[in-house]
N, C-alpha and C. Protein backbone atom coordinates (compact mmCIF):
# COMPACT_ATOMS: atom_id res chain seq x y z
N MET A 1 -3.22 12.07 4.36
CA MET A 1 -4.11 11.74 4.57
C MET A 1 -5.13 11.93 6.03
N LYS A 2 -6.11 11.97 5.94
CA LYS A 2 -6.25 11.89 8.01
C LYS A 2 -7.75 11.07 7.72
N VAL A 3 -7.78 10.09 8.62
CA VAL A 3 -8.21 8.55 9.01
C VAL A 3 -9.54 9.20 10.02
N GLU A 4 -10.30 9.33 10.10
CA GLU A 4 -11.23 9.00 11.26
C GLU A 4 -12.32 7.86 11.43
N GLY A 5 -12.01 6.98 12.51
CA GLY A 5 -12.78 5.82 12.69
C GLY A 5 -13.60 6.61 13.99
N SER A 6 -14.34 5.70 14.74
CA SER A 6 -14.94 5.70 15.83
C SER A 6 -14.45 5.92 17.37
N ASN A 7 -13.05 5.44 17.43
CA ASN A 7 -12.55 5.68 18.27
C ASN A 7 -10.95 5.75 17.88
N PHE A 8 -10.77 6.70 16.97
CA PHE A 8 -9.12 7.51 16.48
C PHE A 8 -9.34 8.50 15.34
N VAL A 9 -8.22 8.91 15.74
CA VAL A 9 -8.19 10.10 14.21
C VAL A 9 -6.95 9.83 13.93
N ALA A 10 -6.22 9.72 12.69
CA ALA A 10 -4.71 9.21 12.74
C ALA A 10 -4.68 10.24 11.34
N SER A 11 -3.27 9.63 10.81
CA SER A 11 -3.10 10.45 9.43
C SER A 11 -2.09 9.41 8.90
N ALA A 12 -1.86 9.86 7.40
CA ALA A 12 -0.87 8.94 6.68
C ALA A 12 -0.46 10.30 5.72
N VAL A 13 1.13 9.61 5.46
CA VAL A 13 1.80 10.99 4.63
C VAL A 13 1.67 9.95 3.03
N TRP A 14 1.64 10.14 2.30
CA TRP A 14 1.24 9.85 0.69
C TRP A 14 2.51 10.78 0.20
N GLU A 15 3.18 9.50 -1.16
CA GLU A 15 4.25 10.28 -2.42
C GLU A 15 3.82 9.54 -3.05
N GLN A 16 3.94 10.18 -4.75
CA GLN A 16 3.47 10.05 -5.56
C GLN A 16 4.84 9.34 -6.48
N ARG A 17 4.86 8.60 -6.80
CA ARG A 17 5.71 7.70 -7.46
C ARG A 17 5.48 7.37 -8.90
N PRO A 18 6.07 6.96 -9.41
CA PRO A 18 6.19 6.48 -11.35
C PRO A 18 5.15 5.27 -11.57
N ASP A 19 4.25 4.72 -10.26
CA ASP A 19 3.90 2.94 -10.09
C ASP A 19 2.60 4.11 -9.62
N GLY A 20 2.56 4.86 -9.16
CA GLY A 20 1.63 4.97 -8.66
C GLY A 20 1.72 5.80 -7.58
N TRP A 21 0.82 6.06 -6.12
CA TRP A 21 1.02 6.51 -4.97
C TRP A 21 1.64 5.74 -3.69
N THR A 22 2.28 5.97 -2.76
CA THR A 22 2.80 4.53 -2.30
C THR A 22 2.42 5.50 -0.13
N CYS A 23 1.95 4.64 0.24
CA CYS A 23 2.87 4.91 1.61
C CYS A 23 3.60 5.03 2.57
N ILE A 24 3.97 6.34 2.53
CA ILE A 24 5.71 6.58 2.84
C ILE A 24 5.40 6.63 4.60
N GLU A 25 5.02 7.22 5.29
CA GLU A 25 4.82 7.49 6.98
C GLU A 25 3.34 7.19 6.98
N ALA A 26 3.00 6.82 8.89
CA ALA A 26 1.84 6.74 8.93
C ALA A 26 1.95 6.57 10.53
N ASP A 27 0.64 6.94 10.92
CA ASP A 27 0.71 7.12 13.02
C ASP A 27 0.51 5.56 12.97
N PRO A 28 0.60 4.99 14.36
CA PRO A 28 0.44 4.20 14.40
C PRO A 28 -0.60 2.83 14.61
N THR A 29 -1.94 4.02 14.76
CA THR A 29 -2.51 3.43 13.65
C THR A 29 -3.07 2.97 12.37
N LEU A 30 -2.15 3.59 11.70
CA LEU A 30 -1.95 3.01 10.53
C LEU A 30 -0.97 2.62 9.70
N ALA A 31 -0.29 2.26 10.59
CA ALA A 31 1.19 1.43 10.36
C ALA A 31 1.14 0.34 8.87
N TRP A 32 0.16 -0.17 9.23
CA TRP A 32 -0.18 -1.67 8.30
C TRP A 32 -0.27 -0.51 6.43
N LEU A 33 0.04 0.63 6.22
CA LEU A 33 0.07 1.71 5.55
C LEU A 33 0.90 1.40 4.52
N LYS A 34 2.41 1.81 5.53
CA LYS A 34 3.37 1.80 5.31
C LYS A 34 3.55 0.87 4.28
N GLY A 35 4.35 1.47 3.05
CA GLY A 35 4.90 1.07 1.80
C GLY A 35 3.56 -0.01 0.99
N ARG A 36 2.63 0.55 0.88
CA ARG A 36 0.48 -0.02 0.41
C ARG A 36 0.72 0.92 -0.25
N SER A 37 0.48 0.56 -1.48
CA SER A 37 -0.02 0.89 -2.75
C SER A 37 -1.55 2.05 -2.53
N ASP A 38 -1.74 3.00 -3.26
CA ASP A 38 -3.54 3.15 -2.83
C ASP A 38 -4.11 2.61 -3.67
N VAL A 39 -4.23 1.45 -3.68
CA VAL A 39 -4.83 0.05 -4.88
C VAL A 39 -5.77 0.35 -3.49
N GLY A 40 -7.53 0.29 -3.27
CA GLY A 40 -7.94 -0.64 -2.44
C GLY A 40 -8.13 0.06 -1.04
N VAL A 41 -7.63 1.07 -0.72
CA VAL A 41 -7.52 1.99 0.25
C VAL A 41 -9.09 2.44 0.59
N GLY A 42 -8.79 3.24 -0.46
CA GLY A 42 -10.57 4.29 -0.25
C GLY A 42 -12.06 3.04 0.04
N TRP A 43 -11.49 2.11 -0.85
CA TRP A 43 -12.98 0.90 -0.61
C TRP A 43 -12.38 0.06 0.55
N PHE A 44 -11.35 0.03 1.01
CA PHE A 44 -10.93 -1.06 2.98
C PHE A 44 -11.49 0.20 3.13
N MET A 45 -11.06 2.08 3.56
CA MET A 45 -11.79 2.76 4.82
C MET A 45 -13.12 2.96 4.60
N GLN A 46 -14.08 2.60 3.62
CA GLN A 46 -15.42 2.92 3.58
C GLN A 46 -15.60 1.65 4.34
N ARG A 47 -15.50 0.64 3.52
CA ARG A 47 -16.00 -1.15 4.18
C ARG A 47 -15.93 -1.14 6.09
N LYS A 48 -14.99 -0.28 6.53
CA LYS A 48 -14.56 -0.06 7.64
C LYS A 48 -15.63 0.90 8.70
N GLY A 49 -15.97 1.70 7.45
CA GLY A 49 -17.05 2.81 7.82
C GLY A 49 -16.36 3.83 8.62
N TRP A 50 -14.94 4.40 7.93
CA TRP A 50 -14.30 4.84 8.44
C TRP A 50 -13.86 6.13 7.48
N GLN A 51 -14.27 7.75 7.84
CA GLN A 51 -13.94 8.77 7.11
C GLN A 51 -12.64 8.98 6.68
N TYR A 52 -12.43 9.12 5.64
CA TYR A 52 -10.94 10.15 5.21
C TYR A 52 -10.90 10.99 4.17
N SER A 53 -9.93 11.64 4.51
CA SER A 53 -9.70 12.92 3.48
C SER A 53 -8.31 13.62 2.80
N TRP A 54 -7.52 13.74 1.36
CA TRP A 54 -6.47 14.16 1.95
C TRP A 54 -6.52 15.63 1.23
N THR A 55 -5.54 15.95 1.94
CA THR A 55 -4.76 17.19 1.59
C THR A 55 -3.38 17.12 1.31
N ALA A 56 -2.86 17.87 0.40
CA ALA A 56 -2.08 18.48 -0.46
C ALA A 56 -0.85 19.15 0.62
N ILE A 57 0.42 18.59 0.63
CA ILE A 57 1.59 19.62 1.25
C ILE A 57 2.30 19.75 0.24
N ASN A 58 2.99 21.10 0.35
CA ASN A 58 3.96 21.09 -0.90
C ASN A 58 5.58 21.16 0.24
N GLU A 59 6.51 21.08 -0.59
CA GLU A 59 8.06 21.16 0.51
C GLU A 59 7.95 22.23 1.60
N GLU A 60 7.66 23.31 1.34
CA GLU A 60 7.70 24.54 2.60
C GLU A 60 7.17 23.70 3.82
N GLN A 61 5.87 23.42 3.16
CA GLN A 61 5.19 22.82 4.38
C GLN A 61 5.83 21.29 5.55
N CYS A 62 6.26 21.09 4.37
CA CYS A 62 6.88 19.31 5.11
C CYS A 62 7.90 20.06 6.05
N THR A 63 7.81 19.70 7.60
CA THR A 63 9.84 19.82 8.56
C THR A 63 10.54 18.53 8.22
N PRO A 64 11.48 18.70 8.16
CA PRO A 64 12.15 17.11 8.34
C PRO A 64 12.45 16.27 9.39
N VAL A 65 12.64 15.20 9.88
CA VAL A 65 12.68 15.01 11.14
C VAL A 65 13.64 14.33 11.01
N THR A 66 14.69 14.58 12.15
CA THR A 66 15.64 13.94 12.58
C THR A 66 15.86 13.06 13.88
């Protein structure tokens, strides 16, 4: 997920789990998303006036963090 506010651009990584989507990694600006489900996130972003977009990635595009 890419989020653009009036004074920042940040991203968050989401993982699909049996009970829905969960944020597993986020830039410091979006750190509050980590561990949360996707329920209500889009509504909150719109309310703040932030633009957001989703980009799908696959394992070949991921680089392990060491």
